[in-house]
Amino acid sequence: MEIGVRPQFYQKISKAPSKHTGVISLFDTEFVIKGIFPKELSKNFHKAFELRQRSDYKVIKPVTSDRAEEILRKAEHFLESVKPYLQIC
């Protein structure tokens, strides 16, 4: 999942993190902890970012198509979950 929700999402709280880890951390503290979004979205966000980091910076075995499809489904679920929130921002 590309971490591209920054502009619209974080304008609502007047914060703009400069790194991917900052985006994830801010999502957790401003949206998950406050109950706007469920913890499941945070867990999936963290897993997708971890997989991206490993594939970019570490030698790992190839990601299976089943695993890639699972991450894609979770990314689509994440986007569908936050879309209504973005429309009210």
C-alpha atoms as a PDB file:
ATOM      1  CA  MET A   1       0.000   0.000   0.000  1.00  0.00           C
ATOM      2  CA  GLU A   2       1.498   3.294  -0.969  1.00  0.00           C
ATOM      3  CA  ILE A   3       1.268   5.733   1.867  1.00  0.00           C
ATOM      4  CA  GLY A   4      -0.384   8.472  -0.115  1.00  0.00           C
ATOM      5  CA  VAL A   5      -3.240   9.591   2.097  1.00  0.00           C
ATOM      6  CA  ARG A   6      -1.170  12.292   3.774  1.00  0.00           C
ATOM      7  CA  PRO A   7      -2.418  15.567   2.290  1.00  0.00           C
ATOM      8  CA  GLN A   8      -6.184  15.309   2.783  1.00  0.00           C
ATOM      9  CA  PHE A   9      -6.031  13.163   5.861  1.00  0.00           C
ATOM     10  CA  TYR A  10      -3.637  15.198   7.898  1.00  0.00           C
ATOM     11  CA  GLN A  11      -4.914  18.636   6.888  1.00  0.00           C
ATOM     12  CA  LYS A  12      -7.843  17.865   9.175  1.00  0.00           C
ATOM     13  CA  ILE A  13      -5.468  17.917  12.167  1.00  0.00           C
ATOM     14  CA  SER A  14      -2.981  20.495  10.822  1.00  0.00           C
ATOM     15  CA  LYS A  15      -0.003  18.137  10.932  1.00  0.00           C
ATOM     16  CA  ALA A  16       2.157  16.975   8.060  1.00  0.00           C
ATOM     17  CA  PRO A  17       4.684  14.248   8.858  1.00  0.00           C
ATOM     18  CA  SER A  18       7.700  14.073   6.572  1.00  0.00           C
ATOM     19  CA  LYS A  19       8.374  10.326   6.803  1.00  0.00           C
ATOM     20  CA  HIS A  20       6.287   7.222   6.277  1.00  0.00           C
ATOM     21  CA  THR A  21       6.776   6.202   9.904  1.00  0.00           C
ATOM     22  CA  GLY A  22       5.452   9.597  10.962  1.00  0.00           C
ATOM     23  CA  VAL A  23       2.347   9.123   8.837  1.00  0.00           C
ATOM     24  CA  ILE A  24       1.665   5.748  10.420  1.00  0.00           C
ATOM     25  CA  SER A  25       2.318   7.036  13.936  1.00  0.00           C
ATOM     26  CA  LEU A  26       0.052  10.029  13.415  1.00  0.00           C
ATOM     27  CA  PHE A  27      -2.680   7.819  11.966  1.00  0.00           C
ATOM     28  CA  ASP A  28      -2.524   5.724  15.138  1.00  0.00           C
ATOM     29  CA  THR A  29      -2.525   8.611  17.605  1.00  0.00           C
ATOM     30  CA  GLU A  30      -5.010  10.897  15.852  1.00  0.00           C
ATOM     31  CA  PHE A  31      -7.436   8.412  14.354  1.00  0.00           C
ATOM     32  CA  VAL A  32      -7.151   4.926  15.862  1.00  0.00           C
ATOM     33  CA  ILE A  33      -6.604   5.785  19.527  1.00  0.00           C
ATOM     34  CA  LYS A  34      -9.413   8.341  19.326  1.00  0.00           C
ATOM     35  CA  GLY A  35     -11.739   5.673  17.926  1.00  0.00           C
ATOM     36  CA  ILE A  36     -12.287   7.207  14.495  1.00  0.00           C
ATOM     37  CA  PHE A  37     -10.968   4.044  12.816  1.00  0.00           C
ATOM     38  CA  PRO A  38     -10.659   0.487  14.158  1.00  0.00           C
ATOM     39  CA  LYS A  39      -7.349  -0.953  15.364  1.00  0.00           C
ATOM     40  CA  GLU A  40      -7.526  -3.541  12.562  1.00  0.00           C
ATOM     41  CA  LEU A  41      -6.781  -0.790  10.015  1.00  0.00           C
ATOM     42  CA  SER A  42      -3.701   0.220  11.976  1.00  0.00           C
ATOM     43  CA  LYS A  43      -2.438  -3.361  12.176  1.00  0.00           C
ATOM     44  CA  ASN A  44      -2.864  -3.811   8.435  1.00  0.00           C
ATOM     45  CA  PHE A  45      -1.192  -0.456   7.759  1.00  0.00           C
ATOM     46  CA  HIS A  46       1.810  -1.499   9.871  1.00  0.00           C
ATOM     47  CA  LYS A  47       2.036  -4.926   8.192  1.00  0.00           C
ATOM     48  CA  ALA A  48       1.905  -3.443   4.700  1.00  0.00           C
ATOM     49  CA  PHE A  49       4.614  -0.915   5.559  1.00  0.00           C
ATOM     50  CA  GLU A  50       6.788  -3.616   7.147  1.00  0.00           C
ATOM     51  CA  LEU A  51       6.469  -5.750   4.016  1.00  0.00           C
ATOM     52  CA  ARG A  52       7.371  -2.761   1.864  1.00  0.00           C
ATOM     53  CA  GLN A  53      10.420  -2.031   4.024  1.00  0.00           C
ATOM     54  CA  ARG A  54      11.609  -5.636   3.902  1.00  0.00           C
ATOM     55  CA  SER A  55      11.175  -5.850   0.153  1.00  0.00           C
ATOM     56  CA  ASP A  56      13.005  -2.554  -0.399  1.00  0.00           C
ATOM     57  CA  TYR A  57      15.872  -2.943   2.052  1.00  0.00           C
ATOM     58  CA  LYS A  58      16.385  -6.594   2.976  1.00  0.00           C
ATOM     59  CA  VAL A  59      16.955  -9.787   1.083  1.00  0.00           C
ATOM     60  CA  ILE A  60      13.858 -11.888   1.537  1.00  0.00           C
ATOM     61  CA  LYS A  61      12.211 -14.715  -0.249  1.00  0.00           C
ATOM     62  CA  PRO A  62       9.764 -13.561  -2.909  1.00  0.00           C
ATOM     63  CA  VAL A  63       6.265 -12.625  -1.819  1.00  0.00           C
ATOM     64  CA  THR A  64       3.773 -15.244  -2.908  1.00  0.00           C
ATOM     65  CA  SER A  65       0.837 -14.239  -5.045  1.00  0.00           C
ATOM     66  CA  ASP A  66      -1.498 -15.285  -2.210  1.00  0.00           C
ATOM     67  CA  ARG A  67       0.312 -12.981   0.231  1.00  0.00           C
ATOM     68  CA  ALA A  68       0.315 -10.121  -2.290  1.00  0.00           C
ATOM     69  CA  GLU A  69      -3.418 -10.585  -2.866  1.00  0.00           C
ATOM     70  CA  GLU A  70      -4.037 -10.586   0.898  1.00  0.00           C
ATOM     71  CA  ILE A  71      -2.139  -7.301   1.324  1.00  0.00           C
ATOM     72  CA  LEU A  72      -3.982  -5.818  -1.658  1.00  0.00           C
ATOM     73  CA  ARG A  73      -7.383  -6.787  -0.187  1.00  0.00           C
ATOM     74  CA  LYS A  74      -6.415  -5.204   3.118  1.00  0.00           C
ATOM     75  CA  ALA A  75      -5.205  -2.057   1.359  1.00  0.00           C
ATOM     76  CA  GLU A  76      -8.486  -1.820  -0.534  1.00  0.00           C
ATOM     77  CA  HIS A  77     -10.385  -2.287   2.742  1.00  0.00           C
ATOM     78  CA  PHE A  78      -8.285   0.476   4.315  1.00  0.00           C
ATOM     79  CA  LEU A  79      -9.072   2.881   1.483  1.00  0.00           C
ATOM     80  CA  GLU A  80     -12.781   2.065   1.524  1.00  0.00           C
ATOM     81  CA  SER A  81     -12.824   2.606   5.287  1.00  0.00           C
ATOM     82  CA  VAL A  82     -11.192   6.025   5.203  1.00  0.00           C
ATOM     83  CA  LYS A  83     -12.897   7.321   2.057  1.00  0.00           C
ATOM     84  CA  PRO A  84     -16.070   8.510   3.868  1.00  0.00           C
ATOM     85  CA  TYR A  85     -13.910  10.372   6.398  1.00  0.00           C
ATOM     86  CA  LEU A  86     -11.996  12.113   3.613  1.00  0.00           C
ATOM     87  CA  GLN A  87     -15.238  13.268   2.035  1.00  0.00           C
ATOM     88  CA  ILE A  88     -16.254  15.111   5.207  1.00  0.00           C
ATOM     89  CA  CYS A  89     -12.866  16.794   5.714  1.00  0.00           C
END
